[in-house]
Amino acid sequence: MSSTNTMDRQPSTSSDRGWGILALILSTIGFGASATLVMERLAIYADAGHRTSCDINAWLSCGTVMRTPQAELFGFPNPFIGIVAYAVVIALALAVLAGARFANWYWWLIWVGILAGSVFTLWLWWQTTFEINTLCLYCMIVWCAQTILLVHTTARNARAGMFGARMINAGHSTAWAWLIAIGLLVIAFGIIAIRFSTVIFV
């Protein structure tokens, strides 16, 4: 009886498939941006004067951000975390698309991991915006991918009843997830626009 109830609380296969497609796209984008940042950081290690591919101007420069202590919070370049984390989500998304079904406790672990990554991303956003005063193009790509991934994974788990009452209408929950994700990104980049208005709008 308990196993039946557990399956009843799972969202439909088509709903999970939609999450899998989106998660695969977002994680691939995040993985690519993280890998590019790692390659650029290794180039800086080899040549301290290396100009990165996104050193566009004084306030939009990955190289400047990479040379700060915040870029190596745990003693190694932060993008290494992104490479590993996004590889895990890519593997999960492929498994879901192949028809795999996971227990709720596993989805809890995935959600907590994505949430932790989002908190870390939020911290990096704050540091670049208000402390370093320089933006990183590839980092901003990761911010976008991570925000959308968190909101849609939260919506997926809400459809499974993991936060209380189960959300029945997958279409409505997906629409709301997009609305919330876009709203959060508008707020984040709106703050950036205001913060850097003196150099952007000149």
N, C-alpha and C. Protein backbone atom coordinates (compact mmCIF):
# COMPACT_ATOMS: atom_id res chain seq x y z
N MET A 1 0.83 -1.21 0.00
CA MET A 1 0.00 0.00 0.00
C MET A 1 0.87 1.26 0.00
N SER A 2 1.93 1.25 0.80
CA SER A 2 2.79 2.42 0.88
C SER A 2 3.49 2.69 -0.44
N SER A 3 3.91 1.63 -1.14
CA SER A 3 4.58 1.82 -2.42
C SER A 3 3.62 2.39 -3.45
N THR A 4 2.33 1.97 -3.38
CA THR A 4 1.33 2.49 -4.30
C THR A 4 1.10 3.97 -4.06
N ASN A 5 1.04 4.35 -2.77
CA ASN A 5 0.84 5.76 -2.44
C ASN A 5 2.01 6.60 -2.94
N THR A 6 3.23 6.04 -2.81
CA THR A 6 4.40 6.76 -3.27
C THR A 6 4.35 7.02 -4.75
N MET A 7 3.94 5.99 -5.52
CA MET A 7 3.84 6.16 -6.96
C MET A 7 2.73 7.13 -7.33
N ASP A 8 1.63 7.12 -6.53
CA ASP A 8 0.53 8.03 -6.81
C ASP A 8 0.96 9.48 -6.65
N ARG A 9 1.93 9.71 -5.78
CA ARG A 9 2.38 11.07 -5.52
C ARG A 9 3.40 11.55 -6.56
N GLN A 10 3.89 10.63 -7.40
CA GLN A 10 4.84 11.02 -8.42
C GLN A 10 4.13 11.77 -9.55
N PRO A 11 4.78 12.80 -10.11
CA PRO A 11 4.18 13.48 -11.26
C PRO A 11 4.18 12.55 -12.45
N SER A 12 3.44 12.90 -13.48
CA SER A 12 3.34 12.06 -14.65
C SER A 12 4.68 11.94 -15.36
N THR A 13 4.83 10.87 -16.15
CA THR A 13 6.06 10.67 -16.90
C THR A 13 6.30 11.81 -17.87
N SER A 14 5.24 12.29 -18.52
CA SER A 14 5.38 13.40 -19.46
C SER A 14 5.84 14.68 -18.75
N SER A 15 5.35 14.89 -17.52
CA SER A 15 5.75 16.05 -16.74
C SER A 15 7.23 15.98 -16.39
N ASP A 16 7.67 14.82 -15.94
CA ASP A 16 9.08 14.64 -15.62
C ASP A 16 9.94 14.75 -16.87
N ARG A 17 9.42 14.30 -18.00
CA ARG A 17 10.16 14.39 -19.25
C ARG A 17 10.39 15.86 -19.62
N GLY A 18 9.37 16.68 -19.40
CA GLY A 18 9.53 18.11 -19.66
C GLY A 18 10.62 18.70 -18.79
N TRP A 19 10.64 18.31 -17.51
CA TRP A 19 11.70 18.77 -16.62
C TRP A 19 13.05 18.27 -17.12
N GLY A 20 13.11 17.02 -17.55
CA GLY A 20 14.37 16.44 -18.01
C GLY A 20 14.94 17.18 -19.20
N ILE A 21 14.09 17.54 -20.16
CA ILE A 21 14.57 18.27 -21.33
C ILE A 21 15.12 19.63 -20.93
N LEU A 22 14.36 20.35 -20.09
CA LEU A 22 14.80 21.67 -19.66
C LEU A 22 16.07 21.58 -18.83
N ALA A 23 16.13 20.62 -17.90
CA ALA A 23 17.30 20.46 -17.04
C ALA A 23 18.54 20.11 -17.87
N LEU A 24 18.35 19.29 -18.90
CA LEU A 24 19.47 18.92 -19.76
C LEU A 24 20.01 20.15 -20.50
N ILE A 25 19.11 20.97 -21.03
CA ILE A 25 19.52 22.18 -21.74
C ILE A 25 20.25 23.15 -20.81
N LEU A 26 19.63 23.42 -19.65
CA LEU A 26 20.20 24.39 -18.71
C LEU A 26 21.53 23.91 -18.16
N SER A 27 21.61 22.62 -17.82
CA SER A 27 22.84 22.08 -17.26
C SER A 27 23.96 22.05 -18.29
N THR A 28 23.62 21.78 -19.53
CA THR A 28 24.62 21.82 -20.59
C THR A 28 25.16 23.23 -20.77
N ILE A 29 24.26 24.21 -20.71
CA ILE A 29 24.69 25.61 -20.80
C ILE A 29 25.58 25.97 -19.61
N GLY A 30 25.15 25.59 -18.41
CA GLY A 30 25.94 25.86 -17.21
C GLY A 30 27.28 25.17 -17.24
N PHE A 31 27.29 23.92 -17.71
CA PHE A 31 28.54 23.16 -17.82
C PHE A 31 29.48 23.84 -18.81
N GLY A 32 28.94 24.26 -19.95
CA GLY A 32 29.77 24.92 -20.95
C GLY A 32 30.38 26.21 -20.45
N ALA A 33 29.56 27.01 -19.75
CA ALA A 33 30.06 28.28 -19.20
C ALA A 33 31.12 28.03 -18.13
N SER A 34 30.88 27.03 -17.28
CA SER A 34 31.84 26.70 -16.23
C SER A 34 33.14 26.18 -16.82
N ALA A 35 33.04 25.33 -17.83
CA ALA A 35 34.24 24.79 -18.47
C ALA A 35 35.05 25.89 -19.14
N THR A 36 34.36 26.85 -19.76
CA THR A 36 35.05 27.98 -20.38
C THR A 36 35.79 28.81 -19.34
N LEU A 37 35.14 29.03 -18.20
CA LEU A 37 35.79 29.78 -17.12
C LEU A 37 37.02 29.04 -16.59
N VAL A 38 36.93 27.72 -16.49
CA VAL A 38 38.08 26.93 -16.03
C VAL A 38 39.24 27.07 -17.02
N MET A 39 38.95 26.96 -18.31
CA MET A 39 40.00 27.08 -19.31
C MET A 39 40.64 28.46 -19.28
N GLU A 40 39.80 29.47 -19.09
CA GLU A 40 40.33 30.83 -19.02
C GLU A 40 41.19 31.02 -17.77
N ARG A 41 40.76 30.41 -16.66
CA ARG A 41 41.54 30.53 -15.42
C ARG A 41 42.87 29.82 -15.54
N LEU A 42 42.89 28.66 -16.19
CA LEU A 42 44.14 27.94 -16.40
C LEU A 42 45.07 28.75 -17.30
N ALA A 43 44.49 29.46 -18.27
CA ALA A 43 45.31 30.31 -19.14
C ALA A 43 45.94 31.45 -18.35
N ILE A 44 45.20 31.97 -17.37
CA ILE A 44 45.75 33.03 -16.52
C ILE A 44 46.86 32.49 -15.64
N TYR A 45 46.69 31.24 -15.15
CA TYR A 45 47.77 30.61 -14.38
C TYR A 45 49.04 30.52 -15.22
N ALA A 46 48.88 30.17 -16.50
CA ALA A 46 50.04 30.00 -17.38
C ALA A 46 50.63 31.34 -17.81
N ASP A 47 49.76 32.34 -17.95
CA ASP A 47 50.20 33.67 -18.39
C ASP A 47 49.42 34.71 -17.60
N ALA A 48 50.08 35.34 -16.64
CA ALA A 48 49.40 36.30 -15.75
C ALA A 48 48.78 37.46 -16.52
N GLY A 49 49.29 37.74 -17.70
CA GLY A 49 48.77 38.84 -18.48
C GLY A 49 47.72 38.42 -19.50
N HIS A 50 47.27 37.19 -19.43
CA HIS A 50 46.30 36.67 -20.40
C HIS A 50 45.02 37.49 -20.39
N ARG A 51 44.52 37.84 -21.58
CA ARG A 51 43.26 38.56 -21.72
C ARG A 51 42.18 37.56 -22.08
N THR A 52 41.18 37.41 -21.22
CA THR A 52 40.15 36.40 -21.44
C THR A 52 39.21 36.82 -22.56
N SER A 53 38.46 35.84 -23.05
CA SER A 53 37.55 36.08 -24.18
C SER A 53 36.40 37.01 -23.82
N CYS A 54 36.17 37.23 -22.54
CA CYS A 54 35.08 38.13 -22.15
C CYS A 54 35.59 39.37 -21.40
N ASP A 55 36.84 39.72 -21.64
CA ASP A 55 37.36 40.99 -21.13
C ASP A 55 36.94 42.07 -22.11
N ILE A 56 35.75 42.60 -21.92
CA ILE A 56 35.17 43.54 -22.89
C ILE A 56 35.51 44.99 -22.54
N ASN A 57 35.37 45.33 -21.27
CA ASN A 57 35.70 46.69 -20.84
C ASN A 57 36.01 46.66 -19.34
N ALA A 58 36.09 47.83 -18.73
CA ALA A 58 36.49 47.90 -17.33
C ALA A 58 35.48 47.27 -16.38
N TRP A 59 34.19 47.33 -16.72
CA TRP A 59 33.16 46.80 -15.81
C TRP A 59 32.59 45.45 -16.25
N LEU A 60 33.00 44.95 -17.41
CA LEU A 60 32.58 43.64 -17.89
C LEU A 60 33.83 42.86 -18.27
N SER A 61 34.40 42.18 -17.27
CA SER A 61 35.70 41.54 -17.46
C SER A 61 35.81 40.29 -16.58
N CYS A 62 35.76 39.12 -17.21
CA CYS A 62 35.91 37.87 -16.46
C CYS A 62 37.29 37.78 -15.83
N GLY A 63 38.30 38.29 -16.55
CA GLY A 63 39.66 38.21 -16.04
C GLY A 63 39.83 38.93 -14.72
N THR A 64 39.20 40.09 -14.60
CA THR A 64 39.27 40.84 -13.34
C THR A 64 38.63 40.06 -12.21
N VAL A 65 37.46 39.48 -12.48
CA VAL A 65 36.75 38.71 -11.45
C VAL A 65 37.56 37.48 -11.06
N MET A 66 38.16 36.81 -12.04
CA MET A 66 38.92 35.59 -11.78
C MET A 66 40.13 35.81 -10.89
N ARG A 67 40.64 37.02 -10.90
CA ARG A 67 41.85 37.30 -10.13
C ARG A 67 41.54 37.73 -8.69
N THR A 68 40.30 37.68 -8.28
CA THR A 68 39.91 38.07 -6.92
C THR A 68 39.86 36.85 -6.01
N PRO A 69 39.98 37.04 -4.70
CA PRO A 69 39.87 35.91 -3.76
C PRO A 69 38.51 35.23 -3.82
N GLN A 70 37.45 35.98 -4.13
CA GLN A 70 36.11 35.40 -4.19
C GLN A 70 35.99 34.34 -5.28
N ALA A 71 36.86 34.41 -6.28
CA ALA A 71 36.79 33.46 -7.40
C ALA A 71 37.37 32.10 -7.03
N GLU A 72 38.02 32.03 -5.87
CA GLU A 72 38.58 30.77 -5.39
C GLU A 72 38.24 30.61 -3.92
N LEU A 73 36.96 30.58 -3.62
CA LEU A 73 36.49 30.59 -2.24
C LEU A 73 37.00 29.39 -1.44
N PHE A 74 37.10 28.24 -2.09
CA PHE A 74 37.50 27.02 -1.39
C PHE A 74 38.93 26.60 -1.73
N GLY A 75 39.72 27.53 -2.27
CA GLY A 75 41.11 27.25 -2.57
C GLY A 75 41.36 26.79 -3.99
N PHE A 76 40.32 26.69 -4.78
CA PHE A 76 40.45 26.33 -6.19
C PHE A 76 39.38 27.11 -6.95
N PRO A 77 39.53 27.26 -8.27
CA PRO A 77 38.56 28.06 -9.03
C PRO A 77 37.13 27.57 -8.85
N ASN A 78 36.23 28.48 -8.55
CA ASN A 78 34.83 28.13 -8.33
C ASN A 78 34.19 27.35 -9.48
N PRO A 79 34.55 27.63 -10.75
CA PRO A 79 33.90 26.92 -11.85
C PRO A 79 34.08 25.40 -11.81
N PHE A 80 35.10 24.91 -11.11
CA PHE A 80 35.25 23.46 -10.98
C PHE A 80 34.02 22.86 -10.30
N ILE A 81 33.45 23.60 -9.36
CA ILE A 81 32.23 23.15 -8.69
C ILE A 81 31.10 23.04 -9.70
N GLY A 82 31.01 24.05 -10.57
CA GLY A 82 29.97 24.04 -11.59
C GLY A 82 30.09 22.86 -12.53
N ILE A 83 31.31 22.54 -12.93
CA ILE A 83 31.52 21.41 -13.85
C ILE A 83 31.00 20.12 -13.24
N VAL A 84 31.36 19.87 -11.98
CA VAL A 84 30.93 18.64 -11.31
C VAL A 84 29.42 18.64 -11.09
N ALA A 85 28.89 19.75 -10.56
CA ALA A 85 27.47 19.82 -10.23
C ALA A 85 26.60 19.69 -11.48
N TYR A 86 26.95 20.39 -12.54
CA TYR A 86 26.13 20.33 -13.75
C TYR A 86 26.25 18.96 -14.43
N ALA A 87 27.40 18.31 -14.28
CA ALA A 87 27.54 16.96 -14.84
C ALA A 87 26.58 15.99 -14.14
N VAL A 88 26.40 16.18 -12.83
CA VAL A 88 25.46 15.34 -12.08
C VAL A 88 24.04 15.56 -12.57
N VAL A 89 23.66 16.82 -12.77
CA VAL A 89 22.30 17.12 -13.22
C VAL A 89 22.09 16.64 -14.66
N ILE A 90 23.11 16.74 -15.49
CA ILE A 90 23.01 16.21 -16.85
C ILE A 90 22.74 14.71 -16.83
N ALA A 91 23.47 13.99 -15.97
CA ALA A 91 23.27 12.55 -15.85
C ALA A 91 21.85 12.24 -15.37
N LEU A 92 21.36 13.00 -14.40
CA LEU A 92 20.01 12.80 -13.89
C LEU A 92 18.97 13.08 -14.97
N ALA A 93 19.16 14.17 -15.71
CA ALA A 93 18.21 14.52 -16.76
C ALA A 93 18.16 13.44 -17.84
N LEU A 94 19.32 12.92 -18.22
CA LEU A 94 19.35 11.85 -19.22
C LEU A 94 18.66 10.60 -18.71
N ALA A 95 18.86 10.31 -17.41
CA ALA A 95 18.20 9.13 -16.82
C ALA A 95 16.68 9.31 -16.84
N VAL A 96 16.21 10.50 -16.50
CA VAL A 96 14.77 10.78 -16.52
C VAL A 96 14.23 10.65 -17.93
N LEU A 97 14.95 11.17 -18.90
CA LEU A 97 14.51 11.09 -20.30
C LEU A 97 14.52 9.65 -20.80
N ALA A 98 15.35 8.81 -20.19
CA ALA A 98 15.39 7.40 -20.56
C ALA A 98 14.29 6.59 -19.88
N GLY A 99 13.52 7.26 -19.00
CA GLY A 99 12.40 6.59 -18.35
C GLY A 99 12.61 6.21 -16.91
N ALA A 100 13.75 6.60 -16.33
CA ALA A 100 14.03 6.24 -14.93
C ALA A 100 13.09 7.00 -14.00
N ARG A 101 12.72 6.35 -12.90
CA ARG A 101 11.89 6.97 -11.87
C ARG A 101 12.64 6.89 -10.55
N PHE A 102 12.69 7.99 -9.84
CA PHE A 102 13.47 8.06 -8.61
C PHE A 102 12.55 8.31 -7.41
N ALA A 103 12.97 7.81 -6.27
CA ALA A 103 12.22 8.00 -5.04
C ALA A 103 12.27 9.47 -4.62
N ASN A 104 11.29 9.87 -3.82
CA ASN A 104 11.23 11.26 -3.39
C ASN A 104 12.47 11.69 -2.62
N TRP A 105 13.05 10.76 -1.83
CA TRP A 105 14.23 11.17 -1.06
C TRP A 105 15.38 11.56 -1.99
N TYR A 106 15.46 10.92 -3.15
CA TYR A 106 16.51 11.26 -4.10
C TYR A 106 16.26 12.64 -4.70
N TRP A 107 14.99 12.92 -5.01
CA TRP A 107 14.64 14.23 -5.52
C TRP A 107 14.89 15.31 -4.48
N TRP A 108 14.70 14.98 -3.19
CA TRP A 108 15.04 15.93 -2.13
C TRP A 108 16.52 16.27 -2.17
N LEU A 109 17.38 15.24 -2.34
CA LEU A 109 18.82 15.47 -2.40
C LEU A 109 19.19 16.36 -3.59
N ILE A 110 18.57 16.06 -4.73
CA ILE A 110 18.83 16.87 -5.92
C ILE A 110 18.41 18.32 -5.70
N TRP A 111 17.22 18.50 -5.12
CA TRP A 111 16.71 19.86 -4.87
C TRP A 111 17.60 20.62 -3.90
N VAL A 112 18.02 19.95 -2.82
CA VAL A 112 18.90 20.61 -1.84
C VAL A 112 20.22 20.99 -2.50
N GLY A 113 20.75 20.10 -3.34
CA GLY A 113 22.00 20.40 -4.03
C GLY A 113 21.86 21.60 -4.96
N ILE A 114 20.76 21.64 -5.72
CA ILE A 114 20.52 22.77 -6.62
C ILE A 114 20.29 24.06 -5.83
N LEU A 115 19.58 23.95 -4.70
CA LEU A 115 19.37 25.11 -3.85
C LEU A 115 20.69 25.64 -3.30
N ALA A 116 21.56 24.73 -2.85
CA ALA A 116 22.87 25.15 -2.34
C ALA A 116 23.67 25.85 -3.42
N GLY A 117 23.61 25.30 -4.64
CA GLY A 117 24.30 25.95 -5.75
C GLY A 117 23.74 27.32 -6.04
N SER A 118 22.43 27.47 -5.88
CA SER A 118 21.80 28.76 -6.14
C SER A 118 22.18 29.78 -5.08
N VAL A 119 22.28 29.34 -3.83
CA VAL A 119 22.71 30.24 -2.75
C VAL A 119 24.14 30.71 -3.01
N PHE A 120 24.99 29.79 -3.45
CA PHE A 120 26.37 30.14 -3.78
C PHE A 120 26.40 31.12 -4.95
N THR A 121 25.57 30.87 -5.94
CA THR A 121 25.48 31.76 -7.09
C THR A 121 25.00 33.15 -6.68
N LEU A 122 24.02 33.19 -5.76
CA LEU A 122 23.53 34.47 -5.25
C LEU A 122 24.64 35.23 -4.55
N TRP A 123 25.45 34.51 -3.78
CA TRP A 123 26.58 35.14 -3.09
C TRP A 123 27.57 35.72 -4.10
N LEU A 124 27.85 34.96 -5.16
CA LEU A 124 28.76 35.44 -6.20
C LEU A 124 28.19 36.66 -6.92
N TRP A 125 26.87 36.64 -7.15
CA TRP A 125 26.21 37.80 -7.75
C TRP A 125 26.42 39.04 -6.88
N TRP A 126 26.23 38.89 -5.59
CA TRP A 126 26.41 40.00 -4.66
C TRP A 126 27.85 40.50 -4.68
N GLN A 127 28.80 39.56 -4.67
CA GLN A 127 30.20 39.95 -4.64
C GLN A 127 30.61 40.71 -5.89
N THR A 128 30.22 40.22 -7.06
CA THR A 128 30.61 40.90 -8.29
C THR A 128 29.91 42.25 -8.44
N THR A 129 28.67 42.32 -7.97
CA THR A 129 27.88 43.53 -8.15
C THR A 129 28.25 44.63 -7.16
N PHE A 130 28.51 44.25 -5.90
CA PHE A 130 28.70 45.26 -4.86
C PHE A 130 30.10 45.30 -4.24
N GLU A 131 30.89 44.25 -4.43
CA GLU A 131 32.23 44.23 -3.82
C GLU A 131 33.33 44.35 -4.88
N ILE A 132 33.28 43.50 -5.89
CA ILE A 132 34.31 43.52 -6.93
C ILE A 132 34.05 44.66 -7.92
N ASN A 133 32.77 44.98 -8.10
CA ASN A 133 32.36 46.06 -9.00
C ASN A 133 32.75 45.79 -10.46
N THR A 134 32.77 44.51 -10.81
CA THR A 134 33.04 44.10 -12.18
C THR A 134 32.20 42.86 -12.46
N LEU A 135 31.66 42.77 -13.65
CA LEU A 135 30.80 41.66 -14.00
C LEU A 135 31.54 40.64 -14.87
N CYS A 136 31.08 39.40 -14.80
CA CYS A 136 31.66 38.31 -15.58
C CYS A 136 30.57 37.75 -16.49
N LEU A 137 30.78 37.81 -17.80
CA LEU A 137 29.76 37.39 -18.77
C LEU A 137 29.38 35.92 -18.59
N TYR A 138 30.37 35.05 -18.48
CA TYR A 138 30.08 33.63 -18.34
C TYR A 138 29.42 33.34 -16.99
N CYS A 139 29.79 34.10 -15.97
CA CYS A 139 29.14 33.95 -14.66
C CYS A 139 27.66 34.29 -14.77
N MET A 140 27.33 35.32 -15.54
CA MET A 140 25.94 35.73 -15.69
C MET A 140 25.13 34.66 -16.43
N ILE A 141 25.78 33.95 -17.34
CA ILE A 141 25.11 32.84 -18.01
C ILE A 141 24.76 31.77 -16.99
N VAL A 142 25.70 31.49 -16.08
CA VAL A 142 25.45 30.51 -15.02
C VAL A 142 24.34 30.99 -14.11
N TRP A 143 24.32 32.27 -13.77
CA TRP A 143 23.24 32.80 -12.91
C TRP A 143 21.88 32.51 -13.53
N CYS A 144 21.75 32.77 -14.82
CA CYS A 144 20.47 32.56 -15.50
C CYS A 144 20.08 31.08 -15.49
N ALA A 145 21.02 30.22 -15.88
CA ALA A 145 20.73 28.79 -15.93
C ALA A 145 20.37 28.25 -14.55
N GLN A 146 21.11 28.66 -13.54
CA GLN A 146 20.90 28.16 -12.19
C GLN A 146 19.55 28.61 -11.63
N THR A 147 19.19 29.85 -11.88
CA THR A 147 17.91 30.36 -11.38
C THR A 147 16.73 29.61 -11.99
N ILE A 148 16.76 29.44 -13.30
CA ILE A 148 15.68 28.73 -13.98
C ILE A 148 15.63 27.28 -13.53
N LEU A 149 16.80 26.66 -13.37
CA LEU A 149 16.85 25.26 -12.94
C LEU A 149 16.26 25.08 -11.55
N LEU A 150 16.60 25.99 -10.63
CA LEU A 150 16.07 25.89 -9.26
C LEU A 150 14.55 26.02 -9.24
N VAL A 151 14.03 27.02 -9.93
CA VAL A 151 12.58 27.26 -9.90
C VAL A 151 11.83 26.10 -10.53
N HIS A 152 12.31 25.58 -11.63
CA HIS A 152 11.60 24.48 -12.30
C HIS A 152 11.75 23.17 -11.54
N THR A 153 12.87 22.96 -10.87
CA THR A 153 13.01 21.76 -10.04
C THR A 153 12.09 21.85 -8.83
N THR A 154 11.96 23.05 -8.28
CA THR A 154 11.02 23.26 -7.18
C THR A 154 9.59 22.99 -7.64
N ALA A 155 9.25 23.45 -8.83
CA ALA A 155 7.91 23.21 -9.38
C ALA A 155 7.69 21.71 -9.62
N ARG A 156 8.71 21.04 -10.11
CA ARG A 156 8.60 19.59 -10.35
C ARG A 156 8.31 18.86 -9.03
N ASN A 157 9.06 19.21 -7.98
CA ASN A 157 8.86 18.55 -6.69
C ASN A 157 7.53 18.93 -6.06
N ALA A 158 7.07 20.15 -6.33
CA ALA A 158 5.75 20.55 -5.84
C ALA A 158 4.66 19.71 -6.50
N ARG A 159 4.83 19.40 -7.78
CA ARG A 159 3.85 18.54 -8.46
C ARG A 159 3.84 17.15 -7.87
N ALA A 160 4.96 16.75 -7.28
CA ALA A 160 5.05 15.43 -6.65
C ALA A 160 4.53 15.43 -5.22
N GLY A 161 4.09 16.61 -4.73
CA GLY A 161 3.57 16.70 -3.38
C GLY A 161 4.63 16.74 -2.31
N MET A 162 5.85 17.09 -2.68
CA MET A 162 6.94 17.05 -1.71
C MET A 162 6.96 18.26 -0.78
N PHE A 163 6.15 19.28 -1.08
CA PHE A 163 6.08 20.45 -0.21
C PHE A 163 4.70 20.60 0.40
N GLY A 164 3.96 19.53 0.44
CA GLY A 164 2.61 19.59 0.98
C GLY A 164 1.61 19.09 -0.04
N ALA A 165 0.55 19.88 -0.28
CA ALA A 165 -0.48 19.47 -1.23
C ALA A 165 0.10 19.35 -2.62
N ARG A 166 -0.30 18.32 -3.31
CA ARG A 166 0.21 18.06 -4.64
C ARG A 166 -0.41 19.02 -5.66
N MET A 167 0.42 19.54 -6.57
CA MET A 167 -0.07 20.39 -7.65
C MET A 167 -0.46 19.50 -8.82
N ILE A 168 -1.72 19.52 -9.18
CA ILE A 168 -2.23 18.61 -10.20
C ILE A 168 -1.92 19.11 -11.61
N ASN A 169 -2.14 20.38 -11.88
CA ASN A 169 -2.01 20.92 -13.23
C ASN A 169 -0.56 21.24 -13.55
N ALA A 170 0.07 20.36 -14.31
CA ALA A 170 1.49 20.54 -14.64
C ALA A 170 1.70 21.77 -15.50
N GLY A 171 0.74 22.04 -16.40
CA GLY A 171 0.88 23.19 -17.27
C GLY A 171 0.90 24.49 -16.51
N HIS A 172 0.00 24.62 -15.53
CA HIS A 172 -0.04 25.84 -14.73
C HIS A 172 1.22 26.00 -13.89
N SER A 173 1.71 24.91 -13.30
CA SER A 173 2.90 25.00 -12.46
C SER A 173 4.12 25.37 -13.30
N THR A 174 4.20 24.86 -14.53
CA THR A 174 5.32 25.20 -15.41
C THR A 174 5.25 26.67 -15.81
N ALA A 175 4.05 27.15 -16.11
CA ALA A 175 3.89 28.57 -16.47
C ALA A 175 4.29 29.48 -15.32
N TRP A 176 3.86 29.10 -14.11
CA TRP A 176 4.22 29.89 -12.94
C TRP A 176 5.72 29.84 -12.69
N ALA A 177 6.33 28.68 -12.94
CA ALA A 177 7.77 28.55 -12.75
C ALA A 177 8.52 29.49 -13.68
N TRP A 178 8.10 29.55 -14.93
CA TRP A 178 8.73 30.47 -15.88
C TRP A 178 8.54 31.92 -15.44
N LEU A 179 7.34 32.24 -14.99
CA LEU A 179 7.05 33.61 -14.56
C LEU A 179 7.93 34.00 -13.38
N ILE A 180 8.05 33.11 -12.41
CA ILE A 180 8.86 33.40 -11.22
C ILE A 180 10.33 33.51 -11.60
N ALA A 181 10.83 32.58 -12.41
CA ALA A 181 12.24 32.60 -12.80
C ALA A 181 12.58 33.88 -13.55
N ILE A 182 11.74 34.25 -14.50
CA ILE A 182 11.98 35.48 -15.26
C ILE A 182 11.91 36.70 -14.35
N GLY A 183 10.95 36.68 -13.41
CA GLY A 183 10.84 37.78 -12.46
C GLY A 183 12.09 37.94 -11.61
N LEU A 184 12.64 36.83 -11.13
CA LEU A 184 13.86 36.88 -10.33
C LEU A 184 15.03 37.42 -11.14
N LEU A 185 15.13 36.99 -12.39
CA LEU A 185 16.23 37.46 -13.23
C LEU A 185 16.08 38.93 -13.57
N VAL A 186 14.85 39.38 -13.78
CA VAL A 186 14.61 40.80 -14.04
C VAL A 186 15.05 41.63 -12.84
N ILE A 187 14.73 41.15 -11.64
CA ILE A 187 15.14 41.86 -10.42
C ILE A 187 16.66 41.91 -10.32
N ALA A 188 17.31 40.75 -10.52
CA ALA A 188 18.78 40.67 -10.40
C ALA A 188 19.47 41.59 -11.40
N PHE A 189 19.04 41.52 -12.66
CA PHE A 189 19.70 42.35 -13.67
C PHE A 189 19.25 43.80 -13.61
N GLY A 190 18.06 44.03 -13.06
CA GLY A 190 17.64 45.40 -12.83
C GLY A 190 18.52 46.08 -11.80
N ILE A 191 18.85 45.34 -10.74
CA ILE A 191 19.75 45.88 -9.72
C ILE A 191 21.12 46.16 -10.32
N ILE A 192 21.58 45.24 -11.18
CA ILE A 192 22.88 45.44 -11.84
C ILE A 192 22.84 46.70 -12.70
N ALA A 193 21.74 46.87 -13.45
CA ALA A 193 21.62 48.04 -14.32
C ALA A 193 21.68 49.33 -13.51
N ILE A 194 21.03 49.33 -12.35
CA ILE A 194 21.05 50.52 -11.49
C ILE A 194 22.44 50.72 -10.90
N ARG A 195 23.04 49.61 -10.45
CA ARG A 195 24.36 49.68 -9.81
C ARG A 195 25.43 50.19 -10.78
N PHE A 196 25.36 49.76 -12.05
CA PHE A 196 26.36 50.14 -13.03
C PHE A 196 25.84 51.20 -14.01
N SER A 197 24.79 51.89 -13.63
CA SER A 197 24.16 52.85 -14.54
C SER A 197 25.12 53.95 -14.99
N THR A 198 26.04 54.32 -14.13
CA THR A 198 26.95 55.42 -14.47
C THR A 198 27.93 55.04 -15.57
N VAL A 199 28.16 53.73 -15.76
CA VAL A 199 29.09 53.31 -16.82
C VAL A 199 28.36 52.68 -18.00
N ILE A 200 27.15 52.15 -17.75
CA ILE A 200 26.40 51.51 -18.84
C ILE A 200 25.73 52.57 -19.70
N PHE A 201 25.07 53.52 -19.06
CA PHE A 201 24.28 54.51 -19.78
C PHE A 201 25.05 55.83 -19.95
N VAL A 202 26.15 55.73 -20.66
CA VAL A 202 26.96 56.93 -20.90
C VAL A 202 27.20 57.07 -22.39
